[in-house]
Amino acid sequence: MKYRTIGTDPKTCREVSALAFGAMLLGSVTDEKTSFAILDRYVEAGGTFIDTSDNYAFWIDGGQGGQSEELLGRWRRSRGVGDEIVIATKLGARPLAPGTGYVDNAEGLSAKVIRESAERSRERLGVDRIDLLYAHIEDRTVPLRETVEGFAELVAEGTVGLLGVSNHAIWRVERARAIAAAAGLPGYEVLQYQHSHLRPRFDVPESIFEDGSLGHAGAELLSYLRAEPELTLVAYSPLLGGAYARADKPLPRDYDHPGTPARLAVLREVANETGATVNQVVLAWQIGGRFPVIPLVGASSVAQLEESLAAVDLELTEEQRGRLDAAN
């Protein structure tokens, strides 16, 4: 396994594995025995960075979520897991009532919600401190200053370590970080956005993005990260839900455009040259890039996880990387 450091403050920064594991469907779609086996194998291989959310997976049973955090809490207790494993969770997108969702009835990002939701997450996870806490989706009904101060209070109290943000317009990320910096408060240091080798369209409206997606890592976000090297990008859905490898999984509609075939072709070329799978090439391309990305992968079996773990040791040549970067 390879490792990198997230965060800049010596009191809160953490060394994490270069491959993060997403526990979204553990405890709901994936049964407990299989979930524990996957988590055990991830840790055995040197994995130390596990991701969840307080709303996972509300859409499975029409509830409010919490199954993933609860399962991780049971796994931690049964295995005696301590601070050596960094667990990140998110708040802001939990439905306020069963049968609703984050589009119409999200908990939001008020100071009250931040405190109460973080406390519930700590209880479910069985931890005294959440290593990394994200603002999951935007809440434009609450002043940014209130959100910034709400997160900062938890850091000051020691119940949260690092702060992160996901699925926000970049101008709001920068504005929130500027508010925090001006007040001498901790700000967002980890950004979690959807990012893969294929490039999506950004003009396709989505449920919470009426002007087009703000959840993908596009040119503006990538240029922002290059200008702010202390920030870390955690890439969710790097394997597009299995669409690279499975004939029964079509590419999401955001990727249906003329630029996709050329990038798919070069992925397959490099996979043939290296003897790796296309999935492994995507992950290796992210991990070893000019500014490293931490891919966030899920798995419903140990075999699926093994494929992703093997990507950490896949070394691409500069010529291969050049072709992967340049394909249009």
Protein backbone atom coordinates (compact mmCIF):
# COMPACT_ATOMS: atom_id res chain seq x y z
CA MET A 1 0.00 0.00 0.00
CA LYS A 2 1.02 3.59 -0.60
CA TYR A 3 0.17 6.48 1.70
CA ARG A 4 -0.26 10.23 1.65
CA THR A 5 -1.03 12.96 4.16
CA ILE A 6 -4.30 14.86 4.25
CA GLY A 7 -4.54 18.17 6.07
CA THR A 8 -1.86 20.64 7.08
CA ASP A 9 -2.29 21.23 10.82
CA PRO A 10 -0.03 18.87 12.80
CA LYS A 11 -2.82 18.44 15.35
CA THR A 12 -5.37 17.13 12.85
CA CYS A 13 -3.55 15.97 9.69
CA ARG A 14 -3.55 12.24 9.03
CA GLU A 15 -1.60 9.78 6.93
CA VAL A 16 -4.05 7.69 4.90
CA SER A 17 -3.81 4.95 2.33
CA ALA A 18 -3.66 6.00 -1.32
CA LEU A 19 -6.82 3.98 -1.96
CA ALA A 20 -9.90 4.86 0.08
CA PHE A 21 -12.76 2.44 0.63
CA GLY A 22 -16.38 3.52 0.28
CA ALA A 23 -18.74 1.80 2.71
CA MET A 24 -21.95 3.25 1.23
CA LEU A 25 -23.81 -0.03 0.73
CA LEU A 26 -22.38 -1.99 3.64
CA GLY A 27 -25.10 -2.95 6.08
CA SER A 28 -27.87 -2.53 3.55
CA VAL A 29 -27.25 -4.07 0.11
CA THR A 30 -24.16 -5.95 1.32
CA ASP A 31 -24.83 -8.27 4.27
CA GLU A 32 -22.86 -8.05 7.48
CA LYS A 33 -20.72 -11.17 7.03
CA THR A 34 -19.60 -10.08 3.56
CA SER A 35 -19.12 -6.50 4.72
CA PHE A 36 -16.86 -7.56 7.58
CA ALA A 37 -14.83 -9.78 5.22
CA ILE A 38 -14.33 -6.87 2.79
CA LEU A 39 -13.30 -4.49 5.56
CA ASP A 40 -10.94 -7.06 7.08
CA ARG A 41 -9.23 -7.62 3.72
CA TYR A 42 -8.93 -3.88 3.08
CA VAL A 43 -7.18 -3.36 6.43
CA GLU A 44 -5.03 -6.46 5.97
CA ALA A 45 -3.79 -4.97 2.68
CA GLY A 46 -2.79 -1.75 4.44
CA GLY A 47 -5.94 0.25 3.80
CA THR A 48 -6.60 2.92 6.41
CA PHE A 49 -9.15 5.34 4.89
CA ILE A 50 -12.86 4.43 5.06
CA ASP A 51 -15.67 6.68 3.83
CA THR A 52 -19.34 6.78 4.76
CA SER A 53 -22.21 9.22 5.38
CA ASP A 54 -25.04 9.68 7.84
CA ASN A 55 -27.58 9.19 5.02
CA TYR A 56 -26.24 5.89 3.62
CA ALA A 57 -28.29 4.17 2.37
CA PHE A 58 -31.70 5.80 2.90
CA TRP A 59 -32.86 5.03 -0.66
CA ILE A 60 -32.67 1.29 -0.12
CA ASP A 61 -35.49 1.05 2.43
CA GLY A 62 -37.04 4.52 2.25
CA GLY A 63 -35.69 5.41 5.68
CA GLN A 64 -33.19 8.06 6.78
CA GLY A 65 -29.93 6.16 6.46
CA GLY A 66 -27.39 5.33 9.12
CA GLN A 67 -26.97 1.64 8.23
CA SER A 68 -23.41 2.10 6.96
CA GLU A 69 -22.24 4.03 10.01
CA GLU A 70 -23.89 1.49 12.30
CA LEU A 71 -22.20 -1.42 10.55
CA LEU A 72 -18.82 0.29 10.74
CA GLY A 73 -19.39 0.79 14.46
CA ARG A 74 -20.11 -2.91 14.95
CA TRP A 75 -17.08 -3.86 12.87
CA ARG A 76 -14.81 -1.51 14.83
CA ARG A 77 -15.97 -2.93 18.15
CA SER A 78 -15.72 -6.56 17.04
CA ARG A 79 -12.21 -6.09 15.65
CA GLY A 80 -10.87 -3.71 18.29
CA VAL A 81 -10.21 -1.04 15.65
CA GLY A 82 -8.79 2.21 16.99
CA ASP A 83 -7.31 5.43 15.69
CA GLU A 84 -5.14 3.62 13.13
CA ILE A 85 -8.13 3.59 10.75
CA VAL A 86 -9.30 6.99 9.52
CA ILE A 87 -13.07 7.13 9.11
CA ALA A 88 -14.66 9.98 7.17
CA THR A 89 -18.36 10.68 7.23
CA LYS A 90 -20.67 13.34 5.82
CA LEU A 91 -23.70 15.30 6.93
CA GLY A 92 -26.18 17.65 5.33
CA ALA A 93 -28.01 15.26 2.99
CA ARG A 94 -29.85 13.05 5.46
CA PRO A 95 -33.62 13.10 4.89
CA LEU A 96 -35.49 14.63 7.81
CA ALA A 97 -38.26 12.04 7.57
CA PRO A 98 -38.68 8.53 6.16
CA GLY A 99 -39.99 8.47 2.63
CA THR A 100 -38.36 11.78 1.72
CA GLY A 101 -34.93 12.58 0.27
CA TYR A 102 -32.14 15.12 0.10
CA VAL A 103 -33.76 16.96 -2.81
CA ASP A 104 -36.95 17.87 -0.97
CA ASN A 105 -36.18 17.42 2.74
CA ALA A 106 -32.46 17.42 3.56
CA GLU A 107 -31.18 18.09 7.07
CA GLY A 108 -29.04 20.96 5.78
CA LEU A 109 -26.00 22.72 7.19
CA SER A 110 -27.19 24.91 10.03
CA ALA A 111 -25.02 25.06 13.15
CA LYS A 112 -27.68 23.11 15.06
CA VAL A 113 -27.80 20.34 12.46
CA ILE A 114 -24.00 20.14 12.23
CA ARG A 115 -23.71 19.61 15.97
CA GLU A 116 -26.59 17.18 16.34
CA SER A 117 -25.82 15.15 13.22
CA ALA A 118 -22.13 14.86 14.07
CA GLU A 119 -23.05 13.62 17.54
CA ARG A 120 -25.33 10.94 16.08
CA SER A 121 -22.59 9.88 13.67
CA ARG A 122 -20.06 9.58 16.49
CA GLU A 123 -22.48 7.39 18.43
CA ARG A 124 -23.19 5.12 15.45
CA LEU A 125 -19.50 4.83 14.58
CA GLY A 126 -18.47 4.38 18.20
CA VAL A 127 -15.77 7.06 18.07
CA ASP A 128 -14.87 9.98 20.29
CA ARG A 129 -13.68 12.01 17.31
CA ILE A 130 -14.66 11.96 13.65
CA ASP A 131 -11.37 12.03 11.74
CA LEU A 132 -12.82 13.81 8.70
CA LEU A 133 -16.28 15.39 8.45
CA TYR A 134 -17.69 16.59 5.14
CA ALA A 135 -20.45 18.99 4.18
CA HIS A 136 -22.22 16.57 1.85
CA ILE A 137 -24.33 18.90 -0.30
CA GLU A 138 -24.98 22.63 -0.41
CA ASP A 139 -27.50 24.39 1.81
CA ARG A 140 -28.08 27.85 0.39
CA THR A 141 -30.77 28.59 2.98
CA VAL A 142 -28.10 28.95 5.69
CA PRO A 143 -25.45 31.71 5.69
CA LEU A 144 -22.02 30.30 4.88
CA ARG A 145 -20.59 31.92 7.99
CA GLU A 146 -22.95 29.91 10.19
CA THR A 147 -21.89 26.68 8.49
CA VAL A 148 -18.19 27.54 8.73
CA GLU A 149 -18.48 28.45 12.40
CA GLY A 150 -20.59 25.38 13.15
CA PHE A 151 -17.94 23.03 11.78
CA ALA A 152 -15.11 25.00 13.42
CA GLU A 153 -16.71 24.68 16.86
CA LEU A 154 -16.56 20.90 16.64
CA VAL A 155 -12.88 21.02 15.64
CA ALA A 156 -12.14 23.33 18.58
CA GLU A 157 -13.92 20.95 20.95
CA GLY A 158 -11.91 18.01 19.61
CA THR A 159 -14.88 15.96 18.38
CA VAL A 160 -13.90 16.47 14.72
CA GLY A 161 -10.44 16.48 13.13
CA LEU A 162 -10.35 17.55 9.49
CA LEU A 163 -13.09 19.25 7.48
CA GLY A 164 -14.14 18.45 3.94
CA VAL A 165 -16.72 19.41 1.34
CA SER A 166 -18.51 17.57 -1.45
CA ASN A 167 -20.84 18.50 -4.31
CA HIS A 168 -20.53 22.27 -3.84
CA ALA A 169 -19.96 24.97 -6.43
CA ILE A 170 -16.27 25.84 -6.33
CA TRP A 171 -17.02 29.51 -5.73
CA ARG A 172 -18.85 28.53 -2.55
CA VAL A 173 -15.97 26.31 -1.44
CA GLU A 174 -13.54 29.19 -1.89
CA ARG A 175 -15.90 31.66 -0.20
CA ALA A 176 -16.29 29.35 2.81
CA ARG A 177 -12.52 28.85 3.04
CA ALA A 178 -11.98 32.62 2.84
CA ILE A 179 -14.47 33.20 5.66
CA ALA A 180 -12.66 30.61 7.77
CA ALA A 181 -9.21 32.03 7.00
CA ALA A 182 -10.27 35.60 7.82
CA ALA A 183 -11.63 34.46 11.18
CA GLY A 184 -8.67 32.23 12.00
CA LEU A 185 -10.88 29.14 11.87
CA PRO A 186 -10.24 25.71 10.31
CA GLY A 187 -11.66 25.37 6.80
CA TYR A 188 -12.26 22.68 4.23
CA GLU A 189 -9.08 20.78 3.34
CA VAL A 190 -10.44 17.67 1.60
CA LEU A 191 -12.69 17.90 -1.46
CA GLN A 192 -14.74 14.87 -2.49
CA TYR A 193 -16.09 15.01 -6.05
CA GLN A 194 -16.94 12.53 -8.76
CA HIS A 195 -13.88 12.01 -10.95
CA SER A 196 -12.81 9.34 -13.41
CA HIS A 197 -10.74 9.07 -16.58
CA LEU A 198 -13.71 9.67 -18.84
CA ARG A 199 -14.81 13.28 -18.94
CA PRO A 200 -18.49 14.01 -18.36
CA ARG A 201 -20.70 16.69 -19.81
CA PHE A 202 -21.32 19.43 -17.27
CA ASP A 203 -24.45 20.90 -18.84
CA VAL A 204 -26.80 18.06 -17.89
CA PRO A 205 -29.14 19.25 -15.11
CA GLU A 206 -29.48 16.96 -12.11
CA SER A 207 -31.85 16.85 -9.17
CA ILE A 208 -29.89 19.33 -7.04
CA PHE A 209 -27.93 20.99 -9.86
CA GLU A 210 -30.40 22.85 -12.04
CA ASP A 211 -27.68 24.50 -14.13
CA GLY A 212 -25.67 21.32 -14.69
CA SER A 213 -23.49 19.18 -12.49
CA LEU A 214 -21.50 20.71 -9.64
CA GLY A 215 -20.59 17.26 -8.35
CA HIS A 216 -17.98 16.36 -10.98
CA ALA A 217 -14.35 17.40 -10.86
CA GLY A 218 -14.19 19.62 -13.92
CA ALA A 219 -11.62 22.06 -15.23
CA GLU A 220 -12.38 24.71 -12.62
CA LEU A 221 -11.98 22.33 -9.69
CA LEU A 222 -8.83 20.75 -11.11
CA SER A 223 -7.24 24.15 -11.73
CA TYR A 224 -8.20 25.16 -8.18
CA LEU A 225 -6.45 22.09 -6.79
CA ARG A 226 -3.32 22.82 -8.81
CA ALA A 227 -3.27 26.34 -7.35
CA GLU A 228 -3.90 25.09 -3.79
CA PRO A 229 -1.60 22.08 -3.31
CA GLU A 230 -2.47 21.76 0.36
CA LEU A 231 -5.94 20.55 -0.64
CA THR A 232 -6.72 16.89 -1.36
CA LEU A 233 -9.15 15.49 -3.92
CA VAL A 234 -10.94 12.29 -3.01
CA ALA A 235 -12.54 10.93 -6.18
CA TYR A 236 -15.83 9.14 -5.77
CA SER A 237 -17.22 6.76 -8.41
CA PRO A 238 -13.86 6.51 -10.22
CA LEU A 239 -14.99 3.24 -11.82
CA LEU A 240 -18.40 4.59 -12.85
CA GLY A 241 -20.32 1.93 -10.97
CA GLY A 242 -18.79 -0.90 -12.98
CA ALA A 243 -19.51 0.62 -16.40
CA TYR A 244 -15.91 0.25 -17.60
CA ALA A 245 -16.01 -3.52 -17.26
CA ARG A 246 -19.60 -4.74 -17.32
CA ALA A 247 -21.71 -5.03 -20.47
CA ASP A 248 -24.88 -4.84 -18.35
CA LYS A 249 -23.80 -1.46 -16.90
CA PRO A 250 -24.12 1.30 -19.50
CA LEU A 251 -22.14 4.48 -19.06
CA PRO A 252 -24.05 7.21 -17.22
CA ARG A 253 -25.73 9.65 -19.61
CA ASP A 254 -23.25 12.40 -18.69
CA TYR A 255 -20.59 10.46 -20.61
CA ASP A 256 -22.58 10.06 -23.83
CA HIS A 257 -20.67 12.51 -26.03
CA PRO A 258 -18.13 12.41 -28.90
CA GLY A 259 -15.06 12.58 -26.64
CA THR A 260 -15.76 9.33 -24.82
CA PRO A 261 -14.71 6.73 -27.46
CA ALA A 262 -11.15 8.08 -27.76
CA ARG A 263 -10.57 8.03 -24.02
CA LEU A 264 -12.04 4.53 -23.75
CA ALA A 265 -9.77 3.37 -26.56
CA VAL A 266 -6.58 4.57 -24.89
CA LEU A 267 -7.63 3.04 -21.58
CA ARG A 268 -8.00 -0.30 -23.30
CA GLU A 269 -4.67 0.09 -25.10
CA VAL A 270 -2.82 0.75 -21.85
CA ALA A 271 -4.63 -2.09 -20.12
CA ASN A 272 -3.47 -4.48 -22.87
CA GLU A 273 0.10 -3.18 -22.63
CA THR A 274 0.30 -3.58 -18.87
CA GLY A 275 -1.72 -6.76 -18.50
CA ALA A 276 -3.98 -4.89 -16.08
CA THR A 277 -7.73 -4.36 -16.20
CA VAL A 278 -9.24 -1.10 -17.40
CA ASN A 279 -10.43 -0.46 -13.83
CA GLN A 280 -6.87 -0.82 -12.54
CA VAL A 281 -5.52 1.57 -15.16
CA VAL A 282 -8.07 4.21 -14.15
CA LEU A 283 -7.11 3.90 -10.47
CA ALA A 284 -3.35 3.86 -11.16
CA TRP A 285 -3.71 6.93 -13.39
CA GLN A 286 -5.35 8.80 -10.50
CA ILE A 287 -3.01 7.62 -7.75
CA GLY A 288 0.21 8.42 -9.62
CA GLY A 289 -0.83 11.61 -11.36
CA ARG A 290 1.03 14.92 -11.34
CA PHE A 291 -1.15 15.91 -8.44
CA PRO A 292 -2.22 12.71 -6.73
CA VAL A 293 -5.88 11.86 -6.33
CA ILE A 294 -7.21 9.45 -3.72
CA PRO A 295 -9.70 7.15 -5.48
CA LEU A 296 -12.68 6.09 -3.41
CA VAL A 297 -13.77 2.59 -4.40
CA GLY A 298 -16.60 0.39 -3.25
CA ALA A 299 -16.91 -3.39 -3.40
CA SER A 300 -19.63 -5.95 -2.88
CA SER A 301 -17.18 -8.84 -2.61
CA VAL A 302 -13.59 -9.47 -1.57
CA ALA A 303 -12.78 -10.37 -5.19
CA GLN A 304 -13.90 -6.92 -6.38
CA LEU A 305 -11.78 -5.29 -3.70
CA GLU A 306 -8.72 -7.35 -4.70
CA GLU A 307 -8.86 -5.92 -8.22
CA SER A 308 -8.77 -2.38 -6.86
CA LEU A 309 -6.03 -3.12 -4.34
CA ALA A 310 -3.78 -4.43 -7.10
CA ALA A 311 -4.03 -1.07 -8.88
CA VAL A 312 -2.00 0.62 -6.14
CA ASP A 313 1.15 -1.15 -7.32
CA LEU A 314 0.53 -0.62 -11.04
CA GLU A 315 3.20 1.73 -12.39
CA LEU A 316 2.34 3.49 -15.64
CA THR A 317 5.11 4.89 -17.82
CA GLU A 318 5.31 8.59 -18.57
CA GLU A 319 4.48 7.80 -22.19
CA GLN A 320 1.36 5.90 -21.15
CA ARG A 321 0.34 8.70 -18.82
CA GLY A 322 0.84 11.19 -21.61
CA ARG A 323 -1.51 9.27 -23.87
CA LEU A 324 -4.10 8.89 -21.12
CA ASP A 325 -3.97 12.61 -20.33
CA ALA A 326 -4.11 13.77 -23.94
CA ALA A 327 -6.86 11.55 -25.32
CA ASN A 328 -9.85 13.53 -26.56
